[in-house]
Amino acid sequence: MRILLKGWVCTPDFSGLSRKAVLIENDRIIAVETDISGASAADKIFTFKKEIISPGFIDAHGHSDLSAPAAPECFSKISQGITSEICGNCGLSPFPVTPANREHLEALYANYGVPLDWADFPGYMKRCTEYAPELRLFPLCGHNTLRAAVAGYEEKRISSKECDRMCRMLADQLDAGAVGLSSGLLYVPGCFAEADEILALMGVLAIKNKPFTTHLRSEGDRLLESLEEIFELACRAGVHKVQISHLKTAGSDNFGKLDRAFALIGQYRSGGLDIRFDRYPYIESQTMLSVVLGKEYSGYGDGEISALFNDPEERRRAVDHLHSIRNEQYWKTRRLAGTGVSGYRKYQGMFFADIPGDPAENVVDILYRSAPDSMVASANMSERNMLEIISHEQCVFGSDGNALPPDDRFGQPHPRSFGGAPRFARLLLDRGLAIPEVCARLSGNAAEFFGLPGVGSVTAGNFADLTVFDPDVIDSAADFRDPFRSPQGITAVLCSGRIRCF
């Protein structure tokens, strides 16, 4: 099958646009010329007047590791022009799997119905190939999964023997094709890691010349200290590339730290460290509902919290604890983003202050009934800072979301899951960025940083992963009350030459 697309095409270096014809055969681009004519040139010809033919968008920070094989049409990603994803972020990947972490991972991913019958990166990728998701996945190895594979999830200092085993396992995953290492230093068990542990793993990355991505220990009160920790360790280890996950200044007391964060990034970049960061174009983050319990419960996994709250006295203690640490304003900025608890599903998308009853009692009740699939969205970021971050030349798009079907079988998502990339493009275009630069932020820059083969530019020989969009119309239509609405301005998406028109 040959397909011919005619329209405005991004140059491979994203320096401009030119009127071109792109010839596709099966899953590859075979020619990009001023014109390709003749009746035998293609079986199907599509001509676009003002639309842009961009390399398929790359989600530089996603979590579709199991949702993509579970719903292989990957509707939420493909419909917004995303054809590739860096998954395995925030320290969580579905490999390596050992008896020490298998039960926990199976519980965590149970909602997707995909049996975890593999042990390592090759086994995971083999199973993904059998499910054949439309989204192209480039997985990172997650530090939390790696640590738990060796030492479980309890709070402890890793022994030198365990650290050596972690390093060997990481090297094996990288040699097999994992694109780097991610950390989630806010989450169990990554939060228990000390500097020497991270330094040792970074040493493996330095040898393999792979990037390190990180969900920082703090994105608010200790943002600057958390950035400096990672940058210093990377320099000591000889790591060349660091990506900060969903860079933000969380909490109004920290909004003024952005300039200092940028200055710190610039300082280390001038010293030779290639630092990038990803961001979704929203001021509400989304994570597990259990985080509202604060540090006192940070050592518990979500399944453990539900089990703990089986005790009525423990539930009452948790309610009293929430009353002591959370005020009325807090509940006006935290919304129930999603839950599997039937009695609360009708309140999804609402702030806890607007849900009938006492917010603290509602939270504890939801966590007791189903902590592992209950999410909170926190409106704790600055709109101005968000725009400054996504406008920065080192920022790439990252949704922090999953590939999902157009329904709630896997829960209620953040609107970024269905509209993050178009909204990112809209905001940048409205701020005056040139179309080729917007396309670079959505594709080419991530491909270059992670060294992704065959994607990220409209070039002969690359995969036929393309996104056709109208720059005057492109935007998100999703919100928290209806996060499933498809975006505007995405005309067509090609994944390995298979065309989807919207």
Protein backbone atom coordinates (compact mmCIF):
# COMPACT_ATOMS: atom_id res chain seq x y z
CA MET A 1 0.00 0.00 0.00
CA ARG A 2 1.34 3.40 -1.02
CA ILE A 3 -0.04 6.64 0.43
CA LEU A 4 0.85 10.12 -0.78
CA LEU A 5 0.37 13.19 1.43
CA LYS A 6 0.71 16.70 0.02
CA GLY A 7 0.88 19.77 2.24
CA TRP A 8 3.08 21.97 4.42
CA VAL A 9 5.87 19.79 5.80
CA CYS A 10 8.29 20.52 8.66
CA THR A 11 11.87 20.41 7.50
CA PRO A 12 13.93 17.70 9.27
CA ASP A 13 15.81 20.34 11.29
CA PHE A 14 12.57 22.23 12.13
CA SER A 15 13.93 25.43 10.65
CA GLY A 16 10.90 26.01 8.43
CA LEU A 17 7.98 24.71 6.42
CA SER A 18 7.89 23.86 2.73
CA ARG A 19 5.27 22.58 0.36
CA LYS A 20 6.14 18.90 -0.11
CA ALA A 21 4.81 15.51 -1.10
CA VAL A 22 5.42 12.65 1.33
CA LEU A 23 5.32 9.15 -0.15
CA ILE A 24 4.68 6.26 2.20
CA GLU A 25 5.00 2.57 1.47
CA ASN A 26 3.74 0.17 4.11
CA ASP A 27 5.20 1.43 7.43
CA ARG A 28 7.96 3.73 6.12
CA ILE A 29 8.42 7.12 4.50
CA ILE A 30 10.17 6.36 1.19
CA ALA A 31 10.40 9.86 -0.31
CA VAL A 32 9.91 13.53 0.58
CA GLU A 33 10.01 15.61 -2.58
CA THR A 34 8.75 18.90 -4.02
CA ASP A 35 6.26 16.79 -5.97
CA ILE A 36 5.69 13.12 -6.64
CA SER A 37 3.30 12.67 -9.53
CA GLY A 38 2.00 9.92 -11.73
CA ALA A 39 -0.92 7.58 -11.40
CA SER A 40 1.31 4.78 -10.13
CA ALA A 41 2.86 6.86 -7.36
CA ALA A 42 0.26 5.98 -4.72
CA ASP A 43 -2.87 3.99 -4.03
CA LYS A 44 -4.31 6.87 -1.98
CA ILE A 45 -3.57 10.58 -2.28
CA PHE A 46 -4.43 13.18 0.37
CA THR A 47 -3.96 16.86 -0.33
CA PHE A 48 -4.01 19.38 2.53
CA LYS A 49 -4.29 23.12 1.90
CA LYS A 50 -3.31 24.82 5.16
CA GLU A 51 -2.73 21.86 7.46
CA ILE A 52 0.75 20.99 8.71
CA ILE A 53 2.28 17.57 8.09
CA SER A 54 4.31 17.08 11.26
CA PRO A 55 6.24 14.10 12.54
CA GLY A 56 3.96 12.21 14.90
CA PHE A 57 3.88 13.84 18.31
CA ILE A 58 6.02 12.19 21.00
CA ASP A 59 4.79 12.11 24.56
CA ALA A 60 8.04 12.49 26.49
CA HIS A 61 6.41 11.52 29.78
CA GLY A 62 3.64 8.92 29.72
CA HIS A 63 2.40 5.96 31.74
CA SER A 64 0.90 3.73 29.05
CA ASP A 65 3.06 0.70 29.94
CA LEU A 66 0.03 -1.55 30.55
CA SER A 67 -2.88 0.56 29.32
CA ALA A 68 -1.54 0.49 25.73
CA PRO A 69 -1.56 -3.31 25.45
CA ALA A 70 -4.87 -3.44 27.35
CA ALA A 71 -6.55 -1.01 24.92
CA PRO A 72 -4.35 -1.32 21.81
CA GLU A 73 -6.28 1.24 19.78
CA CYS A 74 -4.74 3.79 22.21
CA PHE A 75 -7.53 6.21 21.28
CA SER A 76 -6.66 8.98 23.74
CA LYS A 77 -3.12 9.27 22.37
CA ILE A 78 -3.72 8.72 18.66
CA SER A 79 -6.69 11.10 18.54
CA GLN A 80 -4.48 13.96 19.76
CA GLY A 81 -1.66 13.19 17.34
CA ILE A 82 0.63 11.26 19.70
CA THR A 83 2.24 8.30 17.92
CA SER A 84 5.14 7.54 20.31
CA GLU A 85 5.60 7.64 24.07
CA ILE A 86 8.43 7.48 26.57
CA CYS A 87 6.83 5.28 29.25
CA GLY A 88 8.12 3.80 32.50
CA ASN A 89 8.27 7.22 34.13
CA CYS A 90 8.36 8.39 37.77
CA GLY A 91 10.30 5.29 38.81
CA LEU A 92 7.51 2.88 37.82
CA SER A 93 7.99 0.37 35.01
CA PRO A 94 6.50 -3.12 34.58
CA PHE A 95 9.98 -4.66 34.61
CA PRO A 96 12.15 -6.13 36.03
CA VAL A 97 9.82 -8.48 37.89
CA THR A 98 10.95 -10.83 40.67
CA PRO A 99 9.18 -12.57 43.57
CA ALA A 100 10.00 -9.50 45.68
CA ASN A 101 7.82 -7.11 43.62
CA ARG A 102 5.52 -9.28 41.50
CA GLU A 103 2.54 -9.31 43.86
CA HIS A 104 2.68 -5.53 44.32
CA LEU A 105 2.91 -4.88 40.57
CA GLU A 106 0.09 -7.31 39.82
CA ALA A 107 -2.16 -5.46 42.28
CA LEU A 108 -1.11 -2.08 40.92
CA TYR A 109 -1.82 -3.00 37.30
CA ALA A 110 -4.80 -5.32 37.96
CA ASN A 111 -7.28 -2.86 36.44
CA TYR A 112 -5.82 -3.43 32.95
CA GLY A 113 -6.29 -7.20 32.90
CA VAL A 114 -2.88 -7.86 31.35
CA PRO A 115 -1.12 -10.79 33.07
CA LEU A 116 2.41 -9.90 34.21
CA ASP A 117 3.92 -13.11 32.88
CA TRP A 118 7.36 -11.71 32.08
CA ALA A 119 10.49 -11.03 34.10
CA ASP A 120 12.41 -8.39 32.19
CA PHE A 121 12.43 -5.83 29.38
CA PRO A 122 12.59 -8.37 26.51
CA GLY A 123 9.69 -10.33 27.98
CA TYR A 124 7.62 -7.19 28.42
CA MET A 125 8.30 -5.97 24.88
CA LYS A 126 7.54 -9.42 23.43
CA ARG A 127 4.15 -9.37 25.13
CA CYS A 128 3.49 -5.79 23.95
CA THR A 129 4.24 -6.87 20.38
CA GLU A 130 1.62 -9.60 20.69
CA TYR A 131 -1.00 -7.08 21.86
CA ALA A 132 0.11 -4.74 18.99
CA PRO A 133 -0.78 -1.31 20.42
CA GLU A 134 -0.95 1.48 17.84
CA LEU A 135 1.19 3.67 20.10
CA ARG A 136 4.94 3.17 19.72
CA LEU A 137 6.40 2.62 23.20
CA PHE A 138 9.94 3.48 24.30
CA PRO A 139 10.19 2.29 27.93
CA LEU A 140 12.45 3.54 30.68
CA CYS A 141 13.46 1.23 33.50
CA GLY A 142 11.88 2.49 36.71
CA HIS A 143 14.07 2.85 39.80
CA ASN A 144 11.20 2.06 42.19
CA THR A 145 10.45 -1.19 40.35
CA LEU A 146 14.15 -2.01 40.16
CA ARG A 147 14.71 -1.40 43.87
CA ALA A 148 11.65 -3.40 44.83
CA ALA A 149 12.78 -6.26 42.57
CA VAL A 150 15.88 -6.56 44.75
CA ALA A 151 14.77 -5.42 48.20
CA GLY A 152 10.98 -5.10 48.28
CA TYR A 153 9.07 -2.02 49.36
CA GLU A 154 10.10 -1.60 53.00
CA GLU A 155 12.02 1.39 54.29
CA LYS A 156 15.65 0.40 54.40
CA ARG A 157 19.14 1.31 53.29
CA ILE A 158 20.26 -0.82 50.36
CA SER A 159 23.28 -3.02 51.12
CA SER A 160 26.31 -2.97 48.84
CA LYS A 161 25.40 -6.45 47.60
CA GLU A 162 21.84 -5.35 46.80
CA CYS A 163 23.14 -2.21 45.09
CA ASP A 164 25.46 -4.28 42.91
CA ARG A 165 22.54 -6.51 41.95
CA MET A 166 20.43 -3.46 41.06
CA CYS A 167 23.23 -2.13 38.85
CA ARG A 168 23.58 -5.45 37.04
CA MET A 169 19.82 -5.67 36.49
CA LEU A 170 19.73 -2.09 35.20
CA ALA A 171 22.58 -2.79 32.79
CA ASP A 172 20.71 -5.84 31.48
CA GLN A 173 17.53 -3.79 30.85
CA LEU A 174 19.49 -1.05 29.06
CA ASP A 175 21.42 -3.55 26.94
CA ALA A 176 18.08 -5.10 25.93
CA GLY A 177 16.70 -1.74 24.75
CA ALA A 178 15.33 0.28 27.67
CA VAL A 179 15.97 3.93 26.78
CA GLY A 180 17.14 5.07 30.23
CA LEU A 181 16.37 5.08 33.96
CA SER A 182 13.52 6.96 35.62
CA SER A 183 13.20 7.76 39.30
CA GLY A 184 10.24 8.67 41.47
CA LEU A 185 11.88 10.00 44.58
CA LEU A 186 8.58 11.07 46.12
CA TYR A 187 7.17 7.55 46.09
CA VAL A 188 7.76 4.26 47.94
CA PRO A 189 10.36 2.77 47.80
CA GLY A 190 12.33 5.38 45.82
CA CYS A 191 11.89 7.89 48.62
CA PHE A 192 14.09 5.67 50.81
CA ALA A 193 17.04 5.87 48.40
CA GLU A 194 20.12 7.69 49.60
CA ALA A 195 22.62 9.52 47.42
CA ASP A 196 25.09 6.62 47.09
CA GLU A 197 22.37 4.37 45.68
CA ILE A 198 21.34 6.89 43.03
CA LEU A 199 24.99 7.62 42.24
CA ALA A 200 25.75 3.94 41.63
CA LEU A 201 22.83 3.57 39.22
CA MET A 202 23.78 6.78 37.45
CA GLY A 203 27.23 5.25 36.96
CA VAL A 204 25.61 2.52 34.85
CA LEU A 205 23.83 5.18 32.79
CA ALA A 206 27.12 7.01 32.25
CA ILE A 207 28.77 3.87 30.89
CA LYS A 208 25.80 3.12 28.62
CA ASN A 209 25.35 6.80 27.65
CA LYS A 210 21.66 6.76 28.60
CA PRO A 211 19.52 9.54 30.14
CA PHE A 212 18.24 9.84 33.69
CA THR A 213 14.72 11.17 34.24
CA THR A 214 13.38 12.09 37.63
CA HIS A 215 10.27 12.93 39.56
CA LEU A 216 12.07 15.08 42.12
CA ARG A 217 11.95 14.53 45.88
CA SER A 218 10.13 17.85 46.10
CA GLU A 219 8.40 20.02 43.51
CA GLY A 220 7.53 22.72 46.05
CA ASP A 221 9.16 23.68 49.34
CA ARG A 222 12.48 21.99 48.52
CA LEU A 223 12.38 22.32 44.74
CA LEU A 224 15.76 24.03 44.41
CA GLU A 225 17.49 21.62 46.77
CA SER A 226 15.95 18.66 44.89
CA LEU A 227 17.16 19.99 41.54
CA GLU A 228 20.65 20.57 42.87
CA GLU A 229 20.78 17.06 44.37
CA ILE A 230 20.13 15.46 40.99
CA PHE A 231 22.40 17.76 39.01
CA GLU A 232 25.31 17.27 41.44
CA LEU A 233 24.93 13.48 41.40
CA ALA A 234 24.72 13.44 37.60
CA CYS A 235 27.93 15.46 37.32
CA ARG A 236 29.72 13.18 39.79
CA ALA A 237 28.56 10.07 37.96
CA GLY A 238 29.38 11.37 34.50
CA VAL A 239 25.78 11.21 33.26
CA HIS A 240 25.33 13.40 30.19
CA LYS A 241 21.54 13.77 30.02
CA VAL A 242 18.96 14.57 32.72
CA GLN A 243 15.26 15.20 32.22
CA ILE A 244 13.14 16.71 34.99
CA SER A 245 9.67 15.21 35.02
CA HIS A 246 6.74 17.64 34.89
CA LEU A 247 8.71 20.65 36.13
CA LYS A 248 6.55 22.83 38.38
CA THR A 249 6.58 25.16 41.38
CA ALA A 250 3.93 23.53 43.55
CA GLY A 251 2.24 25.63 46.23
CA SER A 252 1.76 29.39 46.22
CA ASP A 253 4.70 29.89 48.61
CA ASN A 254 6.95 28.47 45.88
CA PHE A 255 5.69 30.33 42.82
CA GLY A 256 8.58 32.79 43.11
CA LYS A 257 11.22 30.05 42.75
CA LEU A 258 10.92 29.60 39.00
CA ASP A 259 13.59 32.13 38.01
CA ARG A 260 16.04 30.52 40.43
CA ALA A 261 15.17 27.07 39.08
CA PHE A 262 15.83 28.27 35.52
CA ALA A 263 19.09 29.86 36.66
CA LEU A 264 20.19 26.60 38.28
CA ILE A 265 19.35 24.66 35.12
CA GLY A 266 21.28 27.20 33.04
CA GLN A 267 24.28 26.99 35.39
CA TYR A 268 24.59 23.21 35.06
CA ARG A 269 23.86 23.28 31.33
CA SER A 270 26.73 25.72 30.85
CA GLY A 271 28.89 23.16 32.67
CA GLY A 272 28.08 20.54 30.04
CA LEU A 273 25.07 18.72 31.51
CA ASP A 274 22.27 18.36 28.96
CA ILE A 275 19.17 19.18 31.02
CA ARG A 276 15.65 19.07 29.63
CA PHE A 277 12.25 19.05 31.28
CA ASP A 278 8.77 18.01 30.30
CA ARG A 279 5.47 19.58 31.24
CA TYR A 280 1.75 19.17 30.70
CA PRO A 281 -0.16 22.42 29.97
CA TYR A 282 -2.37 22.44 33.08
CA ILE A 283 -2.08 23.88 36.58
CA GLU A 284 -3.66 20.86 38.25
CA SER A 285 -1.53 17.81 38.87
CA GLN A 286 -3.02 14.36 39.38
CA THR A 287 -1.77 11.52 41.51
CA MET A 288 -2.95 8.90 43.98
CA LEU A 289 -5.56 10.16 46.46
CA SER A 290 -3.51 8.72 49.32
CA VAL A 291 -1.01 11.60 49.07
CA VAL A 292 -3.49 13.90 50.83
CA LEU A 293 -2.81 11.91 54.02
CA GLY A 294 0.61 13.55 54.21
CA LYS A 295 3.98 12.29 55.40
CA GLU A 296 2.60 10.23 58.28
CA TYR A 297 1.24 7.68 55.79
CA SER A 298 3.91 8.04 53.09
CA GLY A 299 5.48 4.69 53.94
CA TYR A 300 2.33 2.76 53.02
CA GLY A 301 1.41 1.50 49.56
CA ASP A 302 -2.17 2.09 48.42
CA GLY A 303 -3.19 -1.52 48.99
CA GLU A 304 -1.72 -1.34 52.47
CA ILE A 305 -3.70 1.83 53.23
CA SER A 306 -6.99 0.14 52.28
CA ALA A 307 -6.06 -2.80 54.52
CA LEU A 308 -5.03 -0.46 57.35
CA PHE A 309 -8.36 1.34 57.18
CA ASN A 310 -10.26 -1.91 57.70
CA ASP A 311 -9.91 -0.97 61.36
CA PRO A 312 -12.63 1.62 62.27
CA GLU A 313 -10.35 3.12 64.91
CA GLU A 314 -7.61 3.64 62.34
CA ARG A 315 -10.11 5.34 60.04
CA ARG A 316 -11.16 7.69 62.83
CA ARG A 317 -7.53 8.45 63.62
CA ALA A 318 -6.91 9.24 59.94
CA VAL A 319 -9.90 11.60 59.83
CA ASP A 320 -8.63 13.42 62.92
CA HIS A 321 -5.19 13.60 61.34
CA LEU A 322 -6.63 15.17 58.16
CA HIS A 323 -8.57 17.70 60.25
CA SER A 324 -5.29 18.72 61.87
CA ILE A 325 -3.23 19.14 58.68
CA ARG A 326 -5.77 20.29 56.04
CA ASN A 327 -7.80 23.49 56.18
CA GLU A 328 -10.92 24.62 54.34
CA GLN A 329 -8.93 26.25 51.52
CA TYR A 330 -7.08 22.99 50.87
CA TRP A 331 -10.31 21.15 50.02
CA LYS A 332 -11.29 23.96 47.64
CA THR A 333 -8.18 23.24 45.55
CA ARG A 334 -8.28 19.41 45.57
CA ARG A 335 -10.76 17.53 43.45
CA LEU A 336 -11.73 13.89 43.21
CA ALA A 337 -10.17 13.12 39.86
CA GLY A 338 -11.30 9.51 39.71
CA THR A 339 -12.35 6.51 41.79
CA GLY A 340 -13.76 3.02 41.46
CA VAL A 341 -15.99 3.48 44.51
CA SER A 342 -19.53 3.45 43.09
CA GLY A 343 -21.08 5.87 45.58
CA TYR A 344 -18.51 8.55 44.76
CA ARG A 345 -18.23 8.17 40.99
CA LYS A 346 -20.92 10.81 40.43
CA TYR A 347 -18.64 13.33 42.17
CA GLN A 348 -15.66 12.75 39.88
CA GLY A 349 -14.27 16.06 38.69
CA MET A 350 -15.62 17.98 41.69
CA PHE A 351 -13.62 19.71 44.41
CA PHE A 352 -13.88 17.95 47.77
CA ALA A 353 -15.29 21.15 49.29
CA ASP A 354 -18.31 20.78 46.96
CA ILE A 355 -18.97 17.08 47.65
CA PRO A 356 -21.65 16.52 50.32
CA GLY A 357 -20.26 15.63 53.74
CA ASP A 358 -17.00 16.21 55.56
CA PRO A 359 -14.03 16.16 53.08
CA ALA A 360 -11.75 14.33 55.51
CA GLU A 361 -14.34 11.62 56.17
CA ASN A 362 -15.02 11.26 52.44
CA VAL A 363 -11.32 10.86 51.64
CA VAL A 364 -10.77 8.21 54.30
CA ASP A 365 -13.92 6.36 53.23
CA ILE A 366 -12.78 6.30 49.59
CA LEU A 367 -9.28 5.13 50.55
CA TYR A 368 -10.74 2.43 52.77
CA ARG A 369 -12.93 1.15 49.96
CA SER A 370 -10.47 1.43 47.08
CA ALA A 371 -7.23 3.35 47.51
CA PRO A 372 -5.37 1.81 44.52
CA ASP A 373 -7.69 3.29 41.89
CA SER A 374 -8.61 6.61 43.52
CA MET A 375 -6.98 9.81 42.27
CA VAL A 376 -6.77 13.43 43.35
CA ALA A 377 -6.16 16.53 41.22
CA SER A 378 -4.47 19.43 42.97
CA ALA A 379 -4.86 23.02 41.76
CA ASN A 380 -1.61 24.12 43.37
CA MET A 381 0.33 25.59 40.45
CA SER A 382 0.74 29.02 38.87
CA GLU A 383 -0.76 29.70 35.44
CA ARG A 384 1.97 32.23 34.73
CA ASN A 385 4.71 29.81 35.71
CA MET A 386 3.17 27.02 33.64
CA LEU A 387 3.25 29.25 30.56
CA GLU A 388 6.85 30.26 31.27
CA ILE A 389 7.87 26.63 31.67
CA ILE A 390 6.28 25.33 28.47
CA SER A 391 7.68 28.32 26.56
CA HIS A 392 11.25 27.57 27.67
CA GLU A 393 13.44 26.24 24.86
CA GLN A 394 14.43 23.16 26.89
CA CYS A 395 10.83 22.09 27.56
CA VAL A 396 9.18 19.22 25.69
CA PHE A 397 5.62 17.99 25.90
CA GLY A 398 4.78 15.29 28.44
CA SER A 399 1.20 14.33 29.28
CA ASP A 400 1.88 12.31 32.45
CA GLY A 401 -1.14 10.32 31.25
CA ASN A 402 -2.12 6.90 29.93
CA ALA A 403 -3.25 5.63 26.55
CA LEU A 404 -6.98 5.10 27.09
CA PRO A 405 -10.12 4.04 25.25
CA PRO A 406 -12.88 6.64 24.76
CA ASP A 407 -14.73 5.46 27.89
CA ASP A 408 -14.14 5.03 31.61
CA ARG A 409 -13.34 1.31 31.74
CA PHE A 410 -9.94 2.25 33.21
CA GLY A 411 -11.27 5.07 35.36
CA GLN A 412 -11.71 8.81 35.06
CA PRO A 413 -8.57 10.46 33.64
CA HIS A 414 -7.05 13.92 33.89
CA PRO A 415 -8.02 15.93 30.77
CA ARG A 416 -4.35 15.90 29.76
CA SER A 417 -4.86 12.27 28.71
CA PHE A 418 -7.14 13.34 25.84
CA GLY A 419 -6.06 16.92 25.16
CA GLY A 420 -2.57 17.60 26.48
CA ALA A 421 -0.69 17.77 23.17
CA PRO A 422 -3.19 19.99 21.31
CA ARG A 423 -3.43 22.34 24.29
CA PHE A 424 0.38 22.49 24.50
CA ALA A 425 0.48 23.42 20.80
CA ARG A 426 -2.30 26.00 21.14
CA LEU A 427 -0.64 27.80 24.05
CA LEU A 428 2.73 27.95 22.29
CA LEU A 429 1.20 29.16 19.02
CA ASP A 430 -0.75 31.83 20.89
CA ARG A 431 2.50 32.97 22.52
CA GLY A 432 4.01 33.52 19.09
CA LEU A 433 6.21 30.46 18.61
CA ALA A 434 6.73 29.49 14.98
CA ILE A 435 4.96 26.35 13.80
CA PRO A 436 8.21 24.40 13.15
CA GLU A 437 9.43 25.17 16.68
CA VAL A 438 6.12 23.96 18.13
CA CYS A 439 6.51 20.73 16.14
CA ALA A 440 10.05 20.33 17.47
CA ARG A 441 8.78 20.68 21.07
CA LEU A 442 6.15 18.03 20.32
CA SER A 443 8.36 15.55 18.49
CA GLY A 444 11.89 16.16 17.27
CA ASN A 445 13.46 17.38 20.50
CA ALA A 446 12.37 14.33 22.49
CA ALA A 447 13.50 11.98 19.72
CA GLU A 448 16.94 13.59 19.71
CA PHE A 449 17.33 13.61 23.51
CA PHE A 450 16.33 9.98 24.03
CA GLY A 451 17.97 8.74 20.83
CA LEU A 452 14.76 7.25 19.44
CA PRO A 453 15.30 5.44 16.13
CA GLY A 454 13.03 6.06 13.15
CA VAL A 455 10.83 8.79 14.63
CA GLY A 456 10.84 12.53 15.21
CA SER A 457 11.22 13.95 11.70
CA VAL A 458 9.58 13.73 8.28
CA THR A 459 12.54 12.00 6.64
CA ALA A 460 12.82 9.22 4.08
CA GLY A 461 13.57 5.95 5.90
CA ASN A 462 11.75 6.88 9.09
CA PHE A 463 8.58 5.21 10.25
CA ALA A 464 5.46 6.67 8.66
CA ASP A 465 4.34 8.20 11.97
CA LEU A 466 2.78 11.55 11.05
CA THR A 467 0.32 14.03 12.50
CA VAL A 468 -1.66 16.39 10.26
CA PHE A 469 -3.10 19.38 12.11
CA ASP A 470 -4.68 22.76 11.49
CA PRO A 471 -2.60 25.39 13.36
CA ASP A 472 -5.55 27.79 13.48
CA VAL A 473 -7.85 25.30 15.20
CA ILE A 474 -5.75 22.85 17.20
CA ASP A 475 -6.76 22.80 20.88
CA SER A 476 -8.08 20.56 23.64
CA ALA A 477 -11.80 20.12 24.32
CA ALA A 478 -11.43 17.98 27.47
CA ASP A 479 -11.98 19.11 31.07
CA PHE A 480 -12.28 17.39 34.46
CA ARG A 481 -16.03 16.87 34.22
CA ASP A 482 -15.76 15.44 30.69
CA PRO A 483 -12.14 14.40 30.13
CA PHE A 484 -12.98 12.08 27.21
CA ARG A 485 -13.76 14.78 24.63
CA SER A 486 -11.52 14.54 21.59
CA PRO A 487 -9.43 17.57 20.61
CA GLN A 488 -10.00 20.01 17.78
CA GLY A 489 -7.77 20.55 14.77
CA ILE A 490 -6.26 17.07 14.41
CA THR A 491 -7.07 16.18 10.80
CA ALA A 492 -5.30 12.84 10.40
CA VAL A 493 -2.77 10.65 12.18
CA LEU A 494 -0.61 7.97 10.62
CA CYS A 495 0.98 5.23 12.70
CA SER A 496 3.38 3.05 10.71
CA GLY A 497 1.48 4.12 7.60
CA ARG A 498 -1.99 3.25 8.95
CA ILE A 499 -4.09 6.38 8.56
CA ARG A 500 -6.76 7.55 10.99
CA CYS A 501 -8.86 10.56 9.99
CA PHE A 502 -10.67 12.65 12.60
